[in-house]
Amino acid sequence: MEKKHILMLLAVVIIFAIPFLLYSGQGEEQGKFAGADASAGPVIEETGYKPWFEPIWEPPSGEIETLIFALQAAIGALIIGYFLGYYTAKRKLMRKTE
């Protein structure tokens, strides 16, 4: 391997390892790697905030909620990817015809 390939591989390994090295066990009472919603809830309750409305439908479990969120993210990524690909191909075609 060339020296630049080794340096890139080392950089990827370091970037991948940083979150594991910096994790100090915060949020253990709420579960490992708890999200912002879990830690923000008690703070919001302290302010006395009252919700304006109730949800129309609540997913039956956390797994279903995660699935719906993942589907939403995938659909958004597909839309963004489609338009990026479309405009990239359009730009390349315009350069060829010039």
Protein backbone atom coordinates (compact mmCIF):
# COMPACT_ATOMS: atom_id res chain seq x y z
CA MET A 1 0.00 0.00 0.00
CA GLU A 2 1.10 3.52 -0.65
CA LYS A 3 1.80 5.86 2.20
CA LYS A 4 -1.27 8.03 1.46
CA HIS A 5 -3.55 4.98 1.59
CA ILE A 6 -2.17 4.00 4.97
CA LEU A 7 -2.67 7.54 6.28
CA MET A 8 -6.27 7.62 5.03
CA LEU A 9 -6.99 4.24 6.63
CA LEU A 10 -5.45 5.42 9.90
CA ALA A 11 -7.55 8.61 9.78
CA VAL A 12 -10.75 6.60 9.27
CA VAL A 13 -9.90 4.31 12.20
CA ILE A 14 -9.18 7.30 14.46
CA ILE A 15 -12.39 9.09 13.46
CA PHE A 16 -14.37 5.90 14.07
CA ALA A 17 -12.74 5.36 17.49
CA ILE A 18 -13.20 8.91 18.85
CA PRO A 19 -16.85 8.49 20.02
CA PHE A 20 -15.97 5.30 21.87
CA LEU A 21 -13.00 6.93 23.56
CA LEU A 22 -14.95 10.04 24.58
CA TYR A 23 -17.99 8.19 25.92
CA SER A 24 -17.91 8.57 29.70
CA GLY A 25 -21.07 6.71 30.72
CA GLN A 26 -23.39 9.72 30.66
CA GLY A 27 -27.07 8.88 30.57
CA GLU A 28 -26.71 5.44 32.15
CA GLU A 29 -29.89 5.90 34.21
CA GLN A 30 -31.93 6.33 31.02
CA GLY A 31 -30.24 3.60 29.04
CA LYS A 32 -27.02 3.49 27.12
CA PHE A 33 -26.66 6.32 24.61
CA ALA A 34 -30.00 7.90 25.53
CA GLY A 35 -31.22 10.54 23.10
CA ALA A 36 -31.91 14.21 23.67
CA ASP A 37 -35.64 13.58 24.15
CA ALA A 38 -35.01 11.54 27.29
CA SER A 39 -32.85 14.22 28.91
CA ALA A 40 -34.93 17.20 27.73
CA GLY A 41 -38.25 15.86 29.06
CA PRO A 42 -37.63 16.54 32.75
CA VAL A 43 -36.24 20.01 32.03
CA ILE A 44 -39.34 20.92 29.98
CA GLU A 45 -41.62 19.62 32.75
CA GLU A 46 -39.86 21.91 35.27
CA THR A 47 -40.87 24.97 33.23
CA GLY A 48 -44.57 24.11 33.54
CA TYR A 49 -45.11 23.82 29.78
CA LYS A 50 -48.50 22.38 28.80
CA PRO A 51 -48.83 20.75 25.34
CA TRP A 52 -51.30 22.39 22.97
CA PHE A 53 -52.73 19.13 21.66
CA GLU A 54 -52.44 15.38 21.98
CA PRO A 55 -51.00 13.15 19.24
CA ILE A 56 -53.54 11.69 16.82
CA TRP A 57 -51.86 8.27 16.87
CA GLU A 58 -49.04 6.85 18.96
CA PRO A 59 -47.02 3.89 17.72
CA PRO A 60 -47.64 0.72 19.72
CA SER A 61 -43.95 0.29 20.59
CA GLY A 62 -40.59 1.98 20.38
CA GLU A 63 -39.51 -0.37 17.60
CA ILE A 64 -42.40 0.74 15.39
CA GLU A 65 -41.56 4.38 16.10
CA THR A 66 -37.94 3.72 15.13
CA LEU A 67 -39.06 1.93 11.97
CA ILE A 68 -41.25 4.85 10.91
CA PHE A 69 -38.42 7.30 11.61
CA ALA A 70 -35.99 5.17 9.57
CA LEU A 71 -38.47 4.99 6.68
CA GLN A 72 -38.88 8.76 6.78
CA ALA A 73 -35.10 9.21 6.67
CA ALA A 74 -34.75 6.73 3.80
CA ILE A 75 -37.46 8.45 1.75
CA GLY A 76 -35.80 11.81 2.32
CA ALA A 77 -32.40 10.40 1.31
CA LEU A 78 -33.92 8.93 -1.85
CA ILE A 79 -35.46 12.26 -2.82
CA ILE A 80 -32.25 14.18 -2.18
CA GLY A 81 -30.19 11.53 -4.00
CA TYR A 82 -32.54 11.59 -6.98
CA PHE A 83 -32.29 15.34 -7.42
CA LEU A 84 -28.53 15.42 -6.88
CA GLY A 85 -28.11 12.69 -9.49
CA TYR A 86 -30.54 14.36 -11.87
CA TYR A 87 -28.79 17.73 -11.78
CA THR A 88 -25.33 16.17 -11.95
CA ALA A 89 -26.30 14.16 -15.04
CA LYS A 90 -27.96 17.23 -16.56
CA ARG A 91 -24.78 19.28 -16.02
CA LYS A 92 -22.62 16.55 -17.58
CA LEU A 93 -24.95 16.32 -20.59
CA MET A 94 -24.84 20.08 -21.04
CA ARG A 95 -21.03 19.99 -20.99
CA LYS A 96 -20.96 17.24 -23.64
CA THR A 97 -23.25 19.15 -25.99
CA GLU A 98 -21.19 22.34 -25.81
